[in-house]
Amino acid sequence: MYCRDCITYTRDGNIICLNCARRLVSPKMRGSKYSPLSRYLTRKARYADHVTLPFAKIEEIIDDSLPFSAMHYRHWWSTPSSPQAQAWLGVKWKVHVVNLEHKTVTFRREGLVKKKTRRKRRKATSAFMDKTFRPTKPRRLREPSKTKIARAQARLANVERRRSSMRQYRGKFKPKSAYEKRLYKPDAKPSKTED
């Protein structure tokens, strides 16, 4: 029943399939073989109401191959008491479409009911009111409050005060400070001292 590529020998000399050997070596996972699929569907529930997965993607998610009956019989996907069905029914998904020709399964979230939006009722108006012209109220411009006016005036006063307190220099460059003038006299340049 095994292909020749996946057979290996154990230390005892018994023949074992590599898939079976992988299960023996790797630590046992909690839950069923299909619990990674339920985690995948839980993450997808944030973004989508239905998910179409090819069988190869499901095998990649569960990190194992699907059984023969899953590939050839629709009944395998619809049995609610089976462990694989508990994986998606437990996270409120159900199998919507199984396409055995294209080898895909479409899952749809359970319990999603479209919310009915209520229409707002129009107020009953008489035929006379519809035909007559209703003038709109002129829009009243609000004047700024006294506090806002006072703050704006204070900001303007501060800006003017800063401008007037800044020193005005002749030319383009800022003059040297007294400390710099004492350090470097214009006639004598500092010389390097040899130690």
N, C-alpha and C. Protein backbone atom coordinates (compact mmCIF):
# COMPACT_ATOMS: atom_id res chain seq x y z
N MET A 1 0.79 -1.20 0.00
CA MET A 1 0.00 0.00 0.00
C MET A 1 0.85 1.27 0.00
N TYR A 2 2.13 1.17 0.27
CA TYR A 2 2.99 2.34 0.31
C TYR A 2 3.71 2.49 -1.02
N CYS A 3 4.02 3.72 -1.38
CA CYS A 3 4.87 3.89 -2.55
C CYS A 3 6.31 3.57 -2.15
N ARG A 4 7.16 3.25 -3.07
CA ARG A 4 8.51 2.82 -2.72
C ARG A 4 9.37 3.95 -2.18
N ASP A 5 8.98 5.20 -2.49
CA ASP A 5 9.79 6.33 -2.06
C ASP A 5 9.64 6.65 -0.58
N CYS A 6 8.51 6.28 0.03
CA CYS A 6 8.29 6.69 1.41
C CYS A 6 8.51 5.57 2.42
N ILE A 7 9.07 4.44 2.02
CA ILE A 7 9.29 3.33 2.95
C ILE A 7 10.70 3.43 3.53
N THR A 8 10.79 3.19 4.82
CA THR A 8 12.09 3.14 5.49
C THR A 8 12.05 2.02 6.52
N TYR A 9 13.19 1.73 7.09
CA TYR A 9 13.28 0.65 8.08
C TYR A 9 13.54 1.24 9.45
N THR A 10 12.91 0.65 10.47
CA THR A 10 13.14 1.09 11.84
C THR A 10 14.38 0.39 12.38
N ARG A 11 14.76 0.71 13.62
CA ARG A 11 15.93 0.07 14.24
C ARG A 11 15.72 -1.43 14.44
N ASP A 12 14.45 -1.79 14.62
CA ASP A 12 14.13 -3.20 14.81
C ASP A 12 14.13 -3.98 13.51
N GLY A 13 14.20 -3.28 12.36
CA GLY A 13 14.18 -3.94 11.07
C GLY A 13 12.80 -4.00 10.45
N ASN A 14 11.82 -3.37 11.09
CA ASN A 14 10.46 -3.35 10.53
C ASN A 14 10.36 -2.28 9.44
N ILE A 15 9.46 -2.52 8.49
CA ILE A 15 9.22 -1.55 7.43
C ILE A 15 8.19 -0.54 7.94
N ILE A 16 8.47 0.73 7.70
CA ILE A 16 7.54 1.77 8.15
C ILE A 16 7.47 2.87 7.09
N CYS A 17 6.30 3.44 6.94
CA CYS A 17 6.09 4.54 6.00
C CYS A 17 6.67 5.82 6.61
N LEU A 18 7.19 6.71 5.77
CA LEU A 18 7.77 7.95 6.29
C LEU A 18 6.73 8.84 6.96
N ASN A 19 5.48 8.82 6.46
CA ASN A 19 4.43 9.59 7.12
C ASN A 19 4.19 9.07 8.53
N CYS A 20 4.19 7.76 8.68
CA CYS A 20 4.01 7.17 10.01
C CYS A 20 5.22 7.47 10.90
N ALA A 21 6.42 7.43 10.31
CA ALA A 21 7.63 7.73 11.08
C ALA A 21 7.61 9.18 11.55
N ARG A 22 7.12 10.07 10.72
CA ARG A 22 7.05 11.47 11.11
C ARG A 22 6.12 11.65 12.30
N ARG A 23 5.02 10.91 12.32
CA ARG A 23 4.09 10.99 13.45
C ARG A 23 4.73 10.44 14.73
N LEU A 24 5.58 9.41 14.59
CA LEU A 24 6.23 8.84 15.77
C LEU A 24 7.28 9.80 16.34
N VAL A 25 8.01 10.47 15.46
CA VAL A 25 9.10 11.34 15.90
C VAL A 25 8.59 12.67 16.43
N SER A 26 7.62 13.26 15.73
CA SER A 26 7.13 14.59 16.13
C SER A 26 6.26 14.47 17.37
N PRO A 27 6.27 15.50 18.23
CA PRO A 27 5.44 15.44 19.43
C PRO A 27 3.96 15.47 19.07
N LYS A 28 3.16 14.82 19.91
CA LYS A 28 1.73 14.76 19.63
C LYS A 28 1.10 16.13 19.84
N MET A 29 0.20 16.47 18.94
CA MET A 29 -0.49 17.74 19.03
C MET A 29 -1.75 17.56 19.87
N ARG A 30 -2.16 18.64 20.52
CA ARG A 30 -3.41 18.60 21.26
C ARG A 30 -4.56 18.61 20.27
N GLY A 31 -5.62 17.97 20.62
CA GLY A 31 -6.79 17.96 19.76
C GLY A 31 -6.65 16.95 18.64
N SER A 32 -7.50 17.09 17.66
CA SER A 32 -7.51 16.13 16.57
C SER A 32 -6.53 16.53 15.48
N LYS A 33 -6.49 15.70 14.48
CA LYS A 33 -5.63 15.96 13.32
C LYS A 33 -6.09 17.22 12.58
N TYR A 34 -7.37 17.56 12.71
CA TYR A 34 -7.95 18.67 11.95
C TYR A 34 -8.03 19.97 12.77
N SER A 35 -7.45 20.02 13.95
CA SER A 35 -7.50 21.25 14.75
C SER A 35 -6.75 22.41 14.08
N PRO A 36 -5.66 22.20 13.31
CA PRO A 36 -5.07 23.34 12.58
C PRO A 36 -6.04 23.96 11.57
N LEU A 37 -6.92 23.13 11.00
CA LEU A 37 -7.92 23.65 10.07
C LEU A 37 -8.91 24.55 10.80
N SER A 38 -9.30 24.16 12.01
CA SER A 38 -10.23 25.00 12.77
C SER A 38 -9.57 26.32 13.16
N ARG A 39 -8.27 26.30 13.49
CA ARG A 39 -7.56 27.56 13.79
C ARG A 39 -7.48 28.44 12.55
N TYR A 40 -7.25 27.82 11.39
CA TYR A 40 -7.19 28.57 10.13
C TYR A 40 -8.53 29.24 9.84
N LEU A 41 -9.62 28.51 10.02
CA LEU A 41 -10.95 29.07 9.75
C LEU A 41 -11.30 30.16 10.76
N THR A 42 -10.83 30.03 11.99
CA THR A 42 -11.07 31.07 12.99
C THR A 42 -10.39 32.37 12.58
N ARG A 43 -9.16 32.27 12.06
CA ARG A 43 -8.46 33.47 11.59
C ARG A 43 -9.16 34.07 10.38
N LYS A 44 -9.66 33.21 9.49
CA LYS A 44 -10.34 33.69 8.29
C LYS A 44 -11.67 34.36 8.61
N ALA A 45 -12.28 34.01 9.75
CA ALA A 45 -13.59 34.56 10.11
C ALA A 45 -13.53 36.06 10.29
N ARG A 46 -12.36 36.61 10.59
CA ARG A 46 -12.24 38.06 10.76
C ARG A 46 -12.42 38.79 9.44
N TYR A 47 -12.07 38.12 8.33
CA TYR A 47 -12.02 38.80 7.04
C TYR A 47 -13.09 38.36 6.05
N ALA A 48 -13.56 37.10 6.15
CA ALA A 48 -14.42 36.58 5.09
C ALA A 48 -15.58 35.79 5.68
N ASP A 49 -16.66 35.72 4.90
CA ASP A 49 -17.83 34.93 5.29
C ASP A 49 -17.81 33.55 4.65
N HIS A 50 -17.05 33.39 3.58
CA HIS A 50 -16.90 32.08 2.96
C HIS A 50 -15.47 31.93 2.45
N VAL A 51 -14.99 30.68 2.46
CA VAL A 51 -13.62 30.38 2.04
C VAL A 51 -13.66 29.16 1.14
N THR A 52 -13.01 29.24 -0.02
CA THR A 52 -12.89 28.09 -0.91
C THR A 52 -11.45 27.60 -0.84
N LEU A 53 -11.28 26.34 -0.44
CA LEU A 53 -9.94 25.77 -0.28
C LEU A 53 -9.79 24.54 -1.16
N PRO A 54 -8.68 24.45 -1.90
CA PRO A 54 -8.40 23.19 -2.60
C PRO A 54 -7.94 22.13 -1.60
N PHE A 55 -8.09 20.87 -1.97
CA PHE A 55 -7.70 19.79 -1.07
C PHE A 55 -6.22 19.87 -0.72
N ALA A 56 -5.40 20.29 -1.67
CA ALA A 56 -3.96 20.40 -1.41
C ALA A 56 -3.67 21.42 -0.31
N LYS A 57 -4.41 22.53 -0.31
CA LYS A 57 -4.23 23.55 0.73
C LYS A 57 -4.65 23.02 2.09
N ILE A 58 -5.73 22.23 2.13
CA ILE A 58 -6.17 21.64 3.40
C ILE A 58 -5.11 20.67 3.91
N GLU A 59 -4.53 19.88 3.00
CA GLU A 59 -3.45 18.97 3.41
C GLU A 59 -2.25 19.73 3.94
N GLU A 60 -1.97 20.88 3.34
CA GLU A 60 -0.87 21.72 3.81
C GLU A 60 -1.18 22.29 5.19
N ILE A 61 -2.43 22.68 5.42
CA ILE A 61 -2.82 23.26 6.71
C ILE A 61 -2.74 22.22 7.82
N ILE A 62 -3.28 21.02 7.56
CA ILE A 62 -3.29 19.99 8.62
C ILE A 62 -1.97 19.24 8.68
N ASP A 63 -1.09 19.50 7.72
CA ASP A 63 0.24 18.88 7.67
C ASP A 63 0.14 17.35 7.59
N ASP A 64 -0.84 16.88 6.84
CA ASP A 64 -1.03 15.45 6.63
C ASP A 64 -1.93 15.29 5.41
N SER A 65 -1.98 14.09 4.87
CA SER A 65 -2.82 13.88 3.69
C SER A 65 -4.26 13.59 4.10
N LEU A 66 -5.19 13.98 3.25
CA LEU A 66 -6.60 13.67 3.48
C LEU A 66 -6.84 12.20 3.14
N PRO A 67 -7.80 11.56 3.78
CA PRO A 67 -8.07 10.15 3.47
C PRO A 67 -8.68 9.99 2.08
N PHE A 68 -8.65 8.77 1.60
CA PHE A 68 -9.18 8.43 0.28
C PHE A 68 -10.65 8.83 0.15
N SER A 69 -11.42 8.58 1.21
CA SER A 69 -12.86 8.88 1.16
C SER A 69 -13.13 10.38 1.05
N ALA A 70 -12.23 11.22 1.55
CA ALA A 70 -12.42 12.67 1.42
C ALA A 70 -12.26 13.11 -0.02
N MET A 71 -11.42 12.42 -0.76
CA MET A 71 -11.17 12.78 -2.16
C MET A 71 -12.28 12.29 -3.09
N HIS A 72 -13.02 11.24 -2.67
CA HIS A 72 -13.95 10.60 -3.60
C HIS A 72 -15.41 10.60 -3.17
N TYR A 73 -15.71 10.92 -1.89
CA TYR A 73 -17.10 10.85 -1.42
C TYR A 73 -17.50 12.14 -0.73
N ARG A 74 -18.64 12.69 -1.14
CA ARG A 74 -19.16 13.91 -0.51
C ARG A 74 -19.60 13.65 0.93
N HIS A 75 -20.00 12.42 1.20
CA HIS A 75 -20.51 12.08 2.53
C HIS A 75 -19.46 12.34 3.62
N TRP A 76 -18.19 12.18 3.28
CA TRP A 76 -17.12 12.40 4.26
C TRP A 76 -17.16 13.84 4.79
N TRP A 77 -17.52 14.78 3.94
CA TRP A 77 -17.54 16.19 4.32
C TRP A 77 -18.81 16.58 5.08
N SER A 78 -19.87 15.77 4.99
CA SER A 78 -21.15 16.17 5.56
C SER A 78 -21.54 15.42 6.83
N THR A 79 -20.71 14.51 7.33
CA THR A 79 -21.04 13.77 8.54
C THR A 79 -20.75 14.65 9.76
N PRO A 80 -21.79 15.10 10.50
CA PRO A 80 -21.56 16.06 11.58
C PRO A 80 -20.88 15.47 12.82
N SER A 81 -20.96 14.16 13.02
CA SER A 81 -20.38 13.57 14.24
C SER A 81 -18.91 13.20 14.07
N SER A 82 -18.36 13.33 12.87
CA SER A 82 -16.97 12.93 12.63
C SER A 82 -16.01 13.98 13.19
N PRO A 83 -14.77 13.57 13.49
CA PRO A 83 -13.80 14.52 14.05
C PRO A 83 -13.44 15.65 13.09
N GLN A 84 -13.42 15.36 11.78
CA GLN A 84 -13.11 16.43 10.83
C GLN A 84 -14.22 17.46 10.79
N ALA A 85 -15.48 17.01 10.88
CA ALA A 85 -16.60 17.96 10.87
C ALA A 85 -16.62 18.78 12.15
N GLN A 86 -16.21 18.18 13.27
CA GLN A 86 -16.16 18.93 14.52
C GLN A 86 -15.15 20.07 14.45
N ALA A 87 -14.12 19.91 13.60
CA ALA A 87 -13.10 20.96 13.45
C ALA A 87 -13.71 22.23 12.90
N TRP A 88 -14.59 22.13 11.89
CA TRP A 88 -15.17 23.36 11.35
C TRP A 88 -16.50 23.72 11.99
N LEU A 89 -17.26 22.72 12.46
CA LEU A 89 -18.52 23.05 13.14
C LEU A 89 -18.26 23.68 14.51
N GLY A 90 -17.15 23.32 15.14
CA GLY A 90 -16.80 23.88 16.45
C GLY A 90 -16.49 25.37 16.40
N VAL A 91 -16.05 25.86 15.24
CA VAL A 91 -15.75 27.29 15.10
C VAL A 91 -16.80 27.98 14.23
N LYS A 92 -17.99 27.35 14.14
CA LYS A 92 -19.17 27.92 13.47
C LYS A 92 -19.00 28.13 11.98
N TRP A 93 -18.41 27.15 11.31
CA TRP A 93 -18.35 27.12 9.85
C TRP A 93 -19.05 25.85 9.41
N LYS A 94 -19.59 25.83 8.20
CA LYS A 94 -20.15 24.60 7.66
C LYS A 94 -19.74 24.46 6.20
N VAL A 95 -19.77 23.22 5.72
CA VAL A 95 -19.40 22.95 4.34
C VAL A 95 -20.56 23.38 3.46
N HIS A 96 -20.28 24.26 2.53
CA HIS A 96 -21.33 24.76 1.64
C HIS A 96 -21.34 23.98 0.32
N VAL A 97 -20.18 23.86 -0.33
CA VAL A 97 -20.08 23.16 -1.61
C VAL A 97 -18.83 22.29 -1.60
N VAL A 98 -18.98 21.05 -2.06
CA VAL A 98 -17.83 20.16 -2.26
C VAL A 98 -17.76 19.86 -3.75
N ASN A 99 -16.66 20.22 -4.39
CA ASN A 99 -16.47 19.96 -5.81
C ASN A 99 -15.38 18.91 -5.95
N LEU A 100 -15.78 17.66 -6.21
CA LEU A 100 -14.81 16.57 -6.29
C LEU A 100 -14.03 16.59 -7.60
N GLU A 101 -14.60 17.18 -8.65
CA GLU A 101 -13.87 17.26 -9.92
C GLU A 101 -12.68 18.21 -9.81
N HIS A 102 -12.93 19.39 -9.26
CA HIS A 102 -11.86 20.38 -9.11
C HIS A 102 -11.11 20.23 -7.79
N LYS A 103 -11.57 19.32 -6.95
CA LYS A 103 -10.97 19.05 -5.64
C LYS A 103 -10.90 20.31 -4.79
N THR A 104 -12.06 20.93 -4.60
CA THR A 104 -12.16 22.11 -3.74
C THR A 104 -13.34 21.97 -2.79
N VAL A 105 -13.26 22.68 -1.68
CA VAL A 105 -14.34 22.72 -0.69
C VAL A 105 -14.59 24.18 -0.37
N THR A 106 -15.86 24.57 -0.29
CA THR A 106 -16.22 25.92 0.11
C THR A 106 -16.87 25.86 1.48
N PHE A 107 -16.28 26.56 2.43
CA PHE A 107 -16.84 26.67 3.78
C PHE A 107 -17.56 28.00 3.88
N ARG A 108 -18.69 28.00 4.60
CA ARG A 108 -19.45 29.23 4.83
C ARG A 108 -19.72 29.35 6.32
N ARG A 109 -19.64 30.57 6.83
CA ARG A 109 -19.87 30.78 8.26
C ARG A 109 -21.34 30.58 8.59
N GLU A 110 -21.60 29.94 9.73
CA GLU A 110 -22.97 29.70 10.18
C GLU A 110 -23.49 30.92 10.92
N GLY A 111 -24.80 31.05 10.94
CA GLY A 111 -25.44 32.05 11.78
C GLY A 111 -25.32 33.47 11.28
N LEU A 112 -24.90 33.66 10.04
CA LEU A 112 -24.83 35.02 9.52
C LEU A 112 -26.16 35.37 8.88
N VAL A 113 -26.83 36.32 9.45
CA VAL A 113 -28.10 36.78 8.92
C VAL A 113 -27.90 38.23 8.51
N LYS A 114 -28.33 38.54 7.31
CA LYS A 114 -28.19 39.92 6.86
C LYS A 114 -29.11 40.80 7.68
N LYS A 115 -28.54 41.88 8.16
CA LYS A 115 -29.34 42.81 8.95
C LYS A 115 -30.25 43.59 8.02
N LYS A 116 -31.50 43.64 8.42
CA LYS A 116 -32.45 44.40 7.62
C LYS A 116 -32.35 45.86 8.04
N THR A 117 -32.14 46.69 7.07
CA THR A 117 -32.09 48.11 7.37
C THR A 117 -33.48 48.68 7.24
N ARG A 118 -33.86 49.40 8.23
CA ARG A 118 -35.20 50.00 8.21
C ARG A 118 -35.16 51.28 7.40
N ARG A 119 -36.17 51.43 6.61
CA ARG A 119 -36.29 52.68 5.88
C ARG A 119 -36.92 53.71 6.78
N LYS A 120 -36.41 54.90 6.67
CA LYS A 120 -37.02 55.97 7.45
C LYS A 120 -38.31 56.39 6.76
N ARG A 121 -39.33 56.49 7.56
CA ARG A 121 -40.62 56.89 7.01
C ARG A 121 -40.63 58.39 6.78
N ARG A 122 -41.23 58.75 5.70
CA ARG A 122 -41.42 60.17 5.45
C ARG A 122 -42.60 60.65 6.26
N LYS A 123 -42.48 61.86 6.68
CA LYS A 123 -43.61 62.44 7.38
C LYS A 123 -44.73 62.68 6.38
N ALA A 124 -45.91 62.40 6.81
CA ALA A 124 -47.05 62.60 5.93
C ALA A 124 -47.27 64.09 5.75
N THR A 125 -47.21 64.52 4.52
CA THR A 125 -47.43 65.94 4.23
C THR A 125 -48.61 66.05 3.29
N SER A 126 -49.25 67.13 3.39
CA SER A 126 -50.40 67.33 2.51
C SER A 126 -49.92 67.73 1.12
N ALA A 127 -50.77 67.61 0.16
CA ALA A 127 -50.43 67.96 -1.22
C ALA A 127 -50.14 69.45 -1.33
N PHE A 128 -50.79 70.24 -0.49
CA PHE A 128 -50.58 71.68 -0.51
C PHE A 128 -49.16 72.04 -0.07
N MET A 129 -48.64 71.33 0.96
CA MET A 129 -47.31 71.62 1.48
C MET A 129 -46.23 71.26 0.47
N ASP A 130 -46.45 70.21 -0.33
CA ASP A 130 -45.45 69.80 -1.31
C ASP A 130 -45.31 70.84 -2.42
N LYS A 131 -46.42 71.46 -2.80
CA LYS A 131 -46.39 72.39 -3.92
C LYS A 131 -45.92 73.78 -3.54
N THR A 132 -46.06 74.13 -2.30
CA THR A 132 -45.69 75.50 -1.90
C THR A 132 -44.19 75.59 -1.68
N PHE A 133 -43.69 76.79 -1.81
CA PHE A 133 -42.27 77.06 -1.62
C PHE A 133 -42.00 77.31 -0.15
N ARG A 134 -41.05 76.56 0.40
CA ARG A 134 -40.68 76.76 1.79
C ARG A 134 -39.34 77.48 1.83
N PRO A 135 -39.32 78.72 2.28
CA PRO A 135 -38.04 79.43 2.32
C PRO A 135 -37.14 78.84 3.40
N THR A 136 -35.86 78.77 3.11
CA THR A 136 -34.91 78.27 4.10
C THR A 136 -34.50 79.40 5.02
N LYS A 137 -34.16 79.04 6.22
CA LYS A 137 -33.72 80.06 7.17
C LYS A 137 -32.34 80.55 6.77
N PRO A 138 -32.13 81.85 6.85
CA PRO A 138 -30.79 82.35 6.52
C PRO A 138 -29.79 81.86 7.58
N ARG A 139 -28.64 81.51 7.11
CA ARG A 139 -27.62 80.98 8.01
C ARG A 139 -27.01 82.11 8.81
N ARG A 140 -27.03 81.95 10.12
CA ARG A 140 -26.52 82.99 11.00
C ARG A 140 -25.03 82.77 11.22
N LEU A 141 -24.25 83.78 10.93
CA LEU A 141 -22.82 83.68 11.16
C LEU A 141 -22.53 83.96 12.62
N ARG A 142 -21.77 83.09 13.21
CA ARG A 142 -21.44 83.26 14.62
C ARG A 142 -20.24 84.19 14.75
N GLU A 143 -20.33 85.05 15.71
CA GLU A 143 -19.19 85.91 16.01
C GLU A 143 -18.29 85.16 16.99
N PRO A 144 -16.98 85.36 16.89
CA PRO A 144 -16.10 84.68 17.83
C PRO A 144 -16.34 85.19 19.25
N SER A 145 -16.12 84.31 20.21
CA SER A 145 -16.34 84.69 21.61
C SER A 145 -15.25 85.66 22.07
N LYS A 146 -15.50 86.30 23.19
CA LYS A 146 -14.54 87.27 23.73
C LYS A 146 -13.24 86.59 24.12
N THR A 147 -13.32 85.35 24.57
CA THR A 147 -12.12 84.61 24.95
C THR A 147 -11.23 84.36 23.74
N LYS A 148 -11.84 83.95 22.62
CA LYS A 148 -11.05 83.70 21.40
C LYS A 148 -10.41 84.98 20.90
N ILE A 149 -11.13 86.08 20.98
CA ILE A 149 -10.58 87.37 20.54
C ILE A 149 -9.40 87.75 21.42
N ALA A 150 -9.53 87.58 22.75
CA ALA A 150 -8.46 87.93 23.68
C ALA A 150 -7.22 87.08 23.43
N ARG A 151 -7.40 85.78 23.16
CA ARG A 151 -6.25 84.90 22.90
C ARG A 151 -5.53 85.31 21.61
N ALA A 152 -6.30 85.62 20.57
CA ALA A 152 -5.68 86.03 19.31
C ALA A 152 -4.90 87.32 19.48
N GLN A 153 -5.45 88.28 20.25
CA GLN A 153 -4.75 89.54 20.49
C GLN A 153 -3.47 89.31 21.29
N ALA A 154 -3.51 88.39 22.27
CA ALA A 154 -2.32 88.09 23.07
C ALA A 154 -1.24 87.46 22.20
N ARG A 155 -1.62 86.56 21.28
CA ARG A 155 -0.64 85.95 20.38
C ARG A 155 0.01 87.00 19.50
N LEU A 156 -0.80 87.90 18.95
CA LEU A 156 -0.24 88.96 18.11
C LEU A 156 0.72 89.85 18.90
N ALA A 157 0.36 90.17 20.14
CA ALA A 157 1.23 91.00 20.97
C ALA A 157 2.55 90.28 21.24
N ASN A 158 2.51 88.96 21.49
CA ASN A 158 3.74 88.20 21.73
C ASN A 158 4.63 88.17 20.49
N VAL A 159 4.02 88.01 19.32
CA VAL A 159 4.80 87.99 18.08
C VAL A 159 5.48 89.35 17.88
N GLU A 160 4.75 90.43 18.09
CA GLU A 160 5.33 91.77 17.94
C GLU A 160 6.45 92.00 18.95
N ARG A 161 6.27 91.53 20.17
CA ARG A 161 7.29 91.70 21.21
C ARG A 161 8.57 90.96 20.83
N ARG A 162 8.44 89.74 20.29
CA ARG A 162 9.62 88.98 19.87
C ARG A 162 10.35 89.68 18.74
N ARG A 163 9.60 90.19 17.78
CA ARG A 163 10.24 90.86 16.65
C ARG A 163 10.99 92.10 17.10
N SER A 164 10.42 92.86 18.03
CA SER A 164 11.08 94.10 18.46
C SER A 164 12.29 93.81 19.35
N SER A 165 12.29 92.69 20.07
CA SER A 165 13.41 92.40 20.97
C SER A 165 14.60 91.79 20.25
N MET A 166 14.42 91.32 19.03
CA MET A 166 15.54 90.73 18.30
C MET A 166 16.51 91.83 17.89
N ARG A 167 17.81 91.53 18.00
CA ARG A 167 18.83 92.51 17.65
C ARG A 167 18.92 92.66 16.15
N GLN A 168 19.05 93.86 15.72
CA GLN A 168 19.22 94.14 14.30
C GLN A 168 20.71 94.28 14.03
N TYR A 169 21.23 93.50 13.11
CA TYR A 169 22.65 93.55 12.78
C TYR A 169 22.84 94.23 11.44
N ARG A 170 23.98 94.93 11.35
CA ARG A 170 24.33 95.51 10.06
C ARG A 170 24.98 94.43 9.21
N GLY A 171 24.70 94.42 7.99
CA GLY A 171 25.33 93.45 7.10
C GLY A 171 24.70 92.07 7.24
N LYS A 172 25.44 91.08 6.73
CA LYS A 172 24.90 89.73 6.68
C LYS A 172 25.27 88.89 7.89
N PHE A 173 26.40 89.19 8.53
CA PHE A 173 26.91 88.29 9.55
C PHE A 173 26.70 88.84 10.94
N LYS A 174 26.56 87.94 11.87
CA LYS A 174 26.42 88.28 13.27
C LYS A 174 27.81 88.66 13.79
N PRO A 175 27.92 89.76 14.55
CA PRO A 175 29.24 90.14 15.07
C PRO A 175 29.73 89.14 16.11
N LYS A 176 31.06 89.11 16.30
CA LYS A 176 31.65 88.19 17.27
C LYS A 176 31.38 88.68 18.68
N SER A 177 31.28 87.73 19.57
CA SER A 177 31.05 88.08 20.97
C SER A 177 32.35 88.61 21.58
N ALA A 178 32.24 89.22 22.76
CA ALA A 178 33.41 89.79 23.43
C ALA A 178 34.41 88.70 23.77
N TYR A 179 33.93 87.52 24.11
CA TYR A 179 34.80 86.40 24.43
C TYR A 179 35.63 86.01 23.22
N GLU A 180 35.00 85.94 22.05
CA GLU A 180 35.73 85.58 20.83
C GLU A 180 36.73 86.67 20.46
N LYS A 181 36.37 87.93 20.71
CA LYS A 181 37.29 89.03 20.40
C LYS A 181 38.54 88.95 21.26
N ARG A 182 38.38 88.58 22.55
CA ARG A 182 39.53 88.46 23.43
C ARG A 182 40.41 87.29 23.04
N LEU A 183 39.81 86.19 22.63
CA LEU A 183 40.59 85.00 22.28
C LEU A 183 41.43 85.23 21.03
N TYR A 184 40.79 85.70 20.00
CA TYR A 184 41.49 85.85 18.72
C TYR A 184 41.52 87.32 18.34
N LYS A 185 42.67 87.92 18.47
CA LYS A 185 42.81 89.31 18.04
C LYS A 185 42.95 89.30 16.53
N PRO A 186 42.42 90.31 15.87
CA PRO A 186 42.46 90.30 14.41
C PRO A 186 43.87 90.29 13.83
N ASP A 187 44.87 90.85 14.56
CA ASP A 187 46.24 90.91 14.02
C ASP A 187 46.97 89.58 14.19
N ALA A 188 46.80 88.96 15.36
CA ALA A 188 47.58 87.76 15.66
C ALA A 188 46.70 86.52 15.54
N LYS A 189 47.22 85.54 14.82
CA LYS A 189 46.52 84.28 14.70
C LYS A 189 47.05 83.34 15.77
N PRO A 190 46.25 82.43 16.25
CA PRO A 190 46.75 81.49 17.25
C PRO A 190 47.79 80.57 16.63
N SER A 191 48.84 80.34 17.37
CA SER A 191 49.92 79.48 16.85
C SER A 191 49.85 78.13 17.53
N LYS A 192 50.37 77.14 16.84
CA LYS A 192 50.38 75.79 17.40
C LYS A 192 51.55 75.69 18.36
N THR A 193 51.28 75.20 19.52
CA THR A 193 52.36 75.03 20.50
C THR A 193 52.83 73.59 20.45
N GLU A 194 54.12 73.44 20.44
CA GLU A 194 54.68 72.09 20.40
C GLU A 194 55.03 71.67 21.81
N ASP A 195 54.59 70.52 22.17
CA ASP A 195 54.88 70.00 23.51
C ASP A 195 55.96 68.96 23.48
